[in-house]
Amino acid sequence: QVQLVESGGGLVQAGGSLRLSCAASGSIFSINNMGWYRQHPGKQRELVAAITSGGSTNYADSVKGRFTISRDNAKNTVYLQMNSLKPEDTAVYYCNADGFLRRLSPTAYNYWGQGTQVTVSS
């Protein structure tokens, strides 16, 4: 019903930059919040950054000042610009979106992307 397709992951040296993108498509009436989460091996998924439909943002303390989340509402796309990357940023990054489906009656949704690997070498 809603597909989230991520791109932009890869291998980068410490101090480098990557930009992740996540495009939403499907039976979307509205997208409220979009966010990026990450999961280190053997650990729980954690919030990296989130952005509301109005542009308000929220960041994990560990990425403040280095990562920037943004969205293009016309393209149903959210971005994560990651600068000054550190080896501890190595993880699988997941896109998340919630909102309402295009249905006869309001139907809420919350979907995840398939994940993209980010590896930062020291």
C-alpha atoms as a PDB file:
ATOM      1  CA  GLN A   1       0.000   0.000   0.000  1.00  0.00           C
ATOM      2  CA  VAL A   2       2.925   2.307   0.738  1.00  0.00           C
ATOM      3  CA  GLN A   3       6.417   1.634  -0.513  1.00  0.00           C
ATOM      4  CA  LEU A   4       9.503   3.333   0.884  1.00  0.00           C
ATOM      5  CA  VAL A   5      12.574   3.028  -1.303  1.00  0.00           C
ATOM      6  CA  GLU A   6      15.897   4.056   0.214  1.00  0.00           C
ATOM      7  CA  SER A   7      19.103   4.876  -1.579  1.00  0.00           C
ATOM      8  CA  GLY A   8      22.465   6.454  -0.921  1.00  0.00           C
ATOM      9  CA  GLY A   9      24.122   4.083   1.525  1.00  0.00           C
ATOM     10  CA  GLY A  10      27.631   2.804   1.037  1.00  0.00           C
ATOM     11  CA  LEU A  11      31.195   2.779   2.292  1.00  0.00           C
ATOM     12  CA  VAL A  12      32.943   5.995   3.283  1.00  0.00           C
ATOM     13  CA  GLN A  13      36.020   6.938   5.266  1.00  0.00           C
ATOM     14  CA  ALA A  14      35.751   8.609   8.625  1.00  0.00           C
ATOM     15  CA  GLY A  15      35.162  12.318   8.202  1.00  0.00           C
ATOM     16  CA  GLY A  16      33.383  11.818   4.916  1.00  0.00           C
ATOM     17  CA  SER A  17      29.787  12.448   3.893  1.00  0.00           C
ATOM     18  CA  LEU A  18      26.842  10.511   2.542  1.00  0.00           C
ATOM     19  CA  ARG A  19      23.324  11.509   1.603  1.00  0.00           C
ATOM     20  CA  LEU A  20      20.473   9.087   2.066  1.00  0.00           C
ATOM     21  CA  SER A  21      17.181   9.427   0.213  1.00  0.00           C
ATOM     22  CA  CYS A  22      13.840   7.748   0.811  1.00  0.00           C
ATOM     23  CA  ALA A  23      10.958   8.077  -1.628  1.00  0.00           C
ATOM     24  CA  ALA A  24       7.428   7.112  -0.634  1.00  0.00           C
ATOM     25  CA  SER A  25       4.859   5.940  -3.144  1.00  0.00           C
ATOM     26  CA  GLY A  26       1.537   4.135  -3.206  1.00  0.00           C
ATOM     27  CA  SER A  27      -1.942   4.916  -1.978  1.00  0.00           C
ATOM     28  CA  ILE A  28      -0.864   7.951   0.002  1.00  0.00           C
ATOM     29  CA  PHE A  29      -3.325  10.596   1.085  1.00  0.00           C
ATOM     30  CA  SER A  30      -0.928  12.313   3.442  1.00  0.00           C
ATOM     31  CA  ILE A  31       2.470  11.850   5.078  1.00  0.00           C
ATOM     32  CA  ASN A  32       2.788  13.222   8.574  1.00  0.00           C
ATOM     33  CA  ASN A  33       6.157  12.281  10.034  1.00  0.00           C
ATOM     34  CA  MET A  34       9.168  10.933   8.188  1.00  0.00           C
ATOM     35  CA  GLY A  35      12.285   9.753   9.879  1.00  0.00           C
ATOM     36  CA  TRP A  36      15.518   7.843   9.771  1.00  0.00           C
ATOM     37  CA  TYR A  37      16.412   5.129  12.220  1.00  0.00           C
ATOM     38  CA  ARG A  38      19.488   2.947  12.442  1.00  0.00           C
ATOM     39  CA  GLN A  39      20.302  -0.426  13.844  1.00  0.00           C
ATOM     40  CA  HIS A  40      23.716  -1.571  14.960  1.00  0.00           C
ATOM     41  CA  PRO A  41      24.375  -5.340  14.977  1.00  0.00           C
ATOM     42  CA  GLY A  42      22.815  -6.931  18.025  1.00  0.00           C
ATOM     43  CA  LYS A  43      21.156  -3.720  19.163  1.00  0.00           C
ATOM     44  CA  GLN A  44      17.721  -2.194  18.981  1.00  0.00           C
ATOM     45  CA  ARG A  45      16.706   0.180  16.246  1.00  0.00           C
ATOM     46  CA  GLU A  46      17.157   3.789  17.332  1.00  0.00           C
ATOM     47  CA  LEU A  47      15.939   7.136  16.095  1.00  0.00           C
ATOM     48  CA  VAL A  48      18.490   9.174  14.174  1.00  0.00           C
ATOM     49  CA  ALA A  49      16.355  12.084  12.971  1.00  0.00           C
ATOM     50  CA  ALA A  50      12.727  12.864  12.244  1.00  0.00           C
ATOM     51  CA  ILE A  51      10.824  15.626  10.501  1.00  0.00           C
ATOM     52  CA  THR A  52       7.168  16.579  10.573  1.00  0.00           C
ATOM     53  CA  SER A  53       5.065  17.662   7.636  1.00  0.00           C
ATOM     54  CA  GLY A  54       5.569  21.245   8.812  1.00  0.00           C
ATOM     55  CA  GLY A  55       9.341  20.930   8.871  1.00  0.00           C
ATOM     56  CA  SER A  56      10.002  20.563  12.595  1.00  0.00           C
ATOM     57  CA  THR A  57      12.998  18.338  13.222  1.00  0.00           C
ATOM     58  CA  ASN A  58      14.308  16.127  15.993  1.00  0.00           C
ATOM     59  CA  TYR A  59      17.779  14.581  16.227  1.00  0.00           C
ATOM     60  CA  ALA A  60      19.545  12.027  18.344  1.00  0.00           C
ATOM     61  CA  ASP A  61      22.189  13.685  20.505  1.00  0.00           C
ATOM     62  CA  SER A  62      24.888  11.594  18.847  1.00  0.00           C
ATOM     63  CA  VAL A  63      24.260  13.140  15.418  1.00  0.00           C
ATOM     64  CA  LYS A  64      23.369  16.730  16.276  1.00  0.00           C
ATOM     65  CA  GLY A  65      25.506  19.163  14.322  1.00  0.00           C
ATOM     66  CA  ARG A  66      26.613  16.479  11.860  1.00  0.00           C
ATOM     67  CA  PHE A  67      23.394  15.172  10.270  1.00  0.00           C
ATOM     68  CA  THR A  68      20.614  17.160   8.638  1.00  0.00           C
ATOM     69  CA  ILE A  69      17.184  15.802   7.791  1.00  0.00           C
ATOM     70  CA  SER A  70      15.010  17.450   5.151  1.00  0.00           C
ATOM     71  CA  ARG A  71      12.020  16.561   3.023  1.00  0.00           C
ATOM     72  CA  ASP A  72      10.465  17.454  -0.293  1.00  0.00           C
ATOM     73  CA  ASN A  73       6.719  17.157   0.207  1.00  0.00           C
ATOM     74  CA  ALA A  74       6.017  17.462  -3.511  1.00  0.00           C
ATOM     75  CA  LYS A  75       8.163  14.374  -4.125  1.00  0.00           C
ATOM     76  CA  ASN A  76       7.179  12.499  -0.932  1.00  0.00           C
ATOM     77  CA  THR A  77      10.887  12.176  -0.252  1.00  0.00           C
ATOM     78  CA  VAL A  78      12.986  12.536   2.867  1.00  0.00           C
ATOM     79  CA  TYR A  79      16.742  13.039   2.906  1.00  0.00           C
ATOM     80  CA  LEU A  80      19.467  12.581   5.473  1.00  0.00           C
ATOM     81  CA  GLN A  81      22.677  14.491   4.865  1.00  0.00           C
ATOM     82  CA  MET A  82      25.399  12.904   6.962  1.00  0.00           C
ATOM     83  CA  ASN A  83      28.644  14.814   7.435  1.00  0.00           C
ATOM     84  CA  SER A  84      31.715  14.182   9.580  1.00  0.00           C
ATOM     85  CA  LEU A  85      30.882  10.512   9.676  1.00  0.00           C
ATOM     86  CA  LYS A  86      32.391   8.356  12.401  1.00  0.00           C
ATOM     87  CA  PRO A  87      32.968   4.596  12.550  1.00  0.00           C
ATOM     88  CA  GLU A  88      30.239   4.390  15.191  1.00  0.00           C
ATOM     89  CA  ASP A  89      27.750   5.634  12.596  1.00  0.00           C
ATOM     90  CA  THR A  90      28.144   2.280  10.851  1.00  0.00           C
ATOM     91  CA  ALA A  91      24.708   0.650  10.826  1.00  0.00           C
ATOM     92  CA  VAL A  92      21.745  -0.251   8.693  1.00  0.00           C
ATOM     93  CA  TYR A  93      19.657   2.874   8.210  1.00  0.00           C
ATOM     94  CA  TYR A  94      15.887   2.581   7.864  1.00  0.00           C
ATOM     95  CA  CYS A  95      13.376   5.097   6.598  1.00  0.00           C
ATOM     96  CA  ASN A  96      10.008   5.407   8.329  1.00  0.00           C
ATOM     97  CA  ALA A  97       6.849   7.266   7.391  1.00  0.00           C
ATOM     98  CA  ASP A  98       3.388   7.595   8.854  1.00  0.00           C
ATOM     99  CA  GLY A  99       0.215   9.260   7.692  1.00  0.00           C
ATOM    100  CA  PHE A 100      -3.076   8.333   6.069  1.00  0.00           C
ATOM    101  CA  LEU A 101      -3.881   6.149   3.098  1.00  0.00           C
ATOM    102  CA  ARG A 102      -6.083   7.177   0.204  1.00  0.00           C
ATOM    103  CA  ARG A 103      -9.222   5.332   1.248  1.00  0.00           C
ATOM    104  CA  LEU A 104     -12.954   6.051   1.556  1.00  0.00           C
ATOM    105  CA  SER A 105     -12.469   6.318   5.315  1.00  0.00           C
ATOM    106  CA  PRO A 106      -9.365   7.573   7.157  1.00  0.00           C
ATOM    107  CA  THR A 107      -6.836   4.761   7.401  1.00  0.00           C
ATOM    108  CA  ALA A 108      -3.596   5.395   9.238  1.00  0.00           C
ATOM    109  CA  TYR A 109      -0.350   3.755   8.225  1.00  0.00           C
ATOM    110  CA  ASN A 110       3.200   3.388   9.455  1.00  0.00           C
ATOM    111  CA  TYR A 111       5.714   1.820   7.088  1.00  0.00           C
ATOM    112  CA  TRP A 112       9.418   1.013   7.019  1.00  0.00           C
ATOM    113  CA  GLY A 113      11.872   0.903   4.179  1.00  0.00           C
ATOM    114  CA  GLN A 114      14.036  -2.132   3.505  1.00  0.00           C
ATOM    115  CA  GLY A 115      17.152  -0.555   5.006  1.00  0.00           C
ATOM    116  CA  THR A 116      20.422   0.632   3.528  1.00  0.00           C
ATOM    117  CA  GLN A 117      23.872  -0.167   4.856  1.00  0.00           C
ATOM    118  CA  VAL A 118      26.192   2.656   5.873  1.00  0.00           C
ATOM    119  CA  THR A 119      29.763   1.660   6.655  1.00  0.00           C
ATOM    120  CA  VAL A 120      32.329   4.153   7.931  1.00  0.00           C
ATOM    121  CA  SER A 121      35.914   2.990   7.935  1.00  0.00           C
ATOM    122  CA  SER A 122      38.500   4.378  10.330  1.00  0.00           C
END
